[in-house]
Every structure is written in structure tokens, then in C-alpha cells.
Protein backbone atom coordinates (compact mmCIF):
# COMPACT_ATOMS: atom_id res chain seq x y z
CA UNK A 1 13.22 -1.00 15.21
CA UNK A 2 13.41 1.42 12.27
CA UNK A 3 12.95 -1.54 9.87
CA UNK A 4 9.63 -2.37 11.53
CA UNK A 5 8.42 1.21 11.31
CA UNK A 6 9.43 1.50 7.65
CA UNK A 7 7.80 -1.86 6.89
CA UNK A 8 4.55 -0.87 8.61
CA UNK A 9 4.28 2.42 6.74
CA UNK A 10 5.39 0.94 3.41
CA UNK A 11 2.60 -1.65 3.54
CA UNK A 12 0.14 0.90 4.92
CA UNK A 13 0.90 3.25 2.04
CA UNK A 14 0.87 0.41 -0.49
CA UNK A 15 -2.64 -0.58 0.55
CA UNK A 16 -3.95 2.99 0.46
CA UNK A 17 -2.43 3.54 -2.98
CA UNK A 18 -3.70 0.19 -4.21
CA UNK A 19 -7.24 1.46 -3.67
CA UNK A 20 -6.49 4.34 -6.06
CA UNK A 21 -5.04 1.84 -8.53
CA UNK A 22 -8.17 -0.32 -8.45
CA UNK A 23 -10.43 2.74 -8.77
CA UNK A 24 -8.48 3.87 -11.85
CA UNK A 25 -8.99 0.46 -13.41
CA UNK A 26 -12.70 0.54 -12.60
CA UNK A 27 -12.96 3.98 -14.21
CA UNK A 28 -11.05 2.71 -17.28
CA UNK A 29 -8.32 5.35 -16.87
CA UNK A 30 -5.32 3.60 -18.41
CA UNK A 31 -2.62 6.22 -17.83
CA UNK A 32 -3.73 6.88 -14.27
CA UNK A 33 -3.88 3.13 -13.53
CA UNK A 34 -0.40 2.69 -14.99
CA UNK A 35 0.94 5.50 -12.77
CA UNK A 36 -0.61 3.99 -9.63
CA UNK A 37 0.78 0.60 -10.64
CA UNK A 38 4.31 2.01 -10.61
CA UNK A 39 3.81 3.69 -7.23
CA UNK A 40 2.28 0.56 -5.69
CA UNK A 41 5.12 -1.59 -7.00
CA UNK A 42 7.72 0.82 -5.60
CA UNK A 43 6.21 0.87 -2.09
CA UNK A 44 5.62 -2.89 -2.17
CA UNK A 45 9.27 -3.42 -3.12
CA UNK A 46 10.40 -1.59 0.01
CA UNK A 47 8.24 -3.96 2.02
CA UNK A 48 9.59 -7.11 0.39
CA UNK A 49 13.17 -6.00 0.95
CA UNK A 50 12.38 -5.26 4.60
CA UNK A 51 10.88 -8.61 5.51
CA UNK A 52 13.27 -10.60 3.37
CA UNK A 53 16.12 -9.35 5.53
CA UNK A 54 14.19 -9.71 8.82
CA UNK A 55 11.33 -12.20 8.96
CA UNK A 56 9.94 -10.56 12.09
CA UNK A 57 9.16 -7.53 9.91
CA UNK A 58 6.19 -9.54 8.64
CA UNK A 59 4.38 -8.66 11.86
CA UNK A 60 4.30 -4.88 11.24
CA UNK A 61 3.67 -5.64 7.53
CA UNK A 62 0.47 -7.46 8.44
CA UNK A 63 -0.65 -4.63 10.72
CA UNK A 64 0.19 -2.14 7.97
CA UNK A 65 -1.93 -4.13 5.51
CA UNK A 66 -4.90 -4.16 7.85
CA UNK A 67 -4.78 -0.49 8.78
CA UNK A 68 -3.82 0.67 5.28
CA UNK A 69 -6.86 -1.00 3.77
CA UNK A 70 -9.11 0.19 6.58
CA UNK A 71 -8.00 3.83 6.30
CA UNK A 72 -7.89 3.72 2.50
CA UNK A 73 -11.48 2.52 2.36
CA UNK A 74 -12.57 5.24 4.79
CA UNK A 75 -10.85 7.87 2.62
CA UNK A 76 -12.50 6.47 -0.49
CA UNK A 77 -15.91 6.42 1.17
CA UNK A 78 -15.58 9.94 2.60
CA UNK A 79 -14.14 11.65 -0.47
CA UNK A 80 -15.45 9.35 -3.20
CA UNK A 81 -11.96 8.80 -4.54
């Protein structure tokens, strides 16, 4: 069960952080984009390891992707990040 929780939050966080990565690219901030790239890759790696070991972990990964993007977009819209 802990694998599913970790997978959900890893994908959720990856999607939220990916929004910051894309925004940095749009704003032409190379160093900031490079930093977010590292963070996104690290959180995405946790996800890949999780669902490689347990294919059922794809289910919480998909939910994490949906809710991570949804919440990330709301944060971006509210705070202009």
C-alpha cells in the first residue's frame, strides 16, 4: 500500500514541478529551467521505479498525474507562477 501512496505523490509532485519547469523555459530562464529539470527527473525516477516493480502502481500514478496537473494549473493561475 505504501508503494501506491508514494507513487501517487511522486507523480503528483512531478506534474506540479513540471509546470514550473515549463514556465522557466517560457521565461527564457536557463539556470532555473535546468534546476527544475533535475527536480522533475528525480521525482519521475521514483515513479518509474515504483511501477516497474509493481504494475498496479500505474493506477495511482495516473491519478497522481491528473490531480498534479489540475492542482499545479490552479496554483499557477492563482499566483501567476
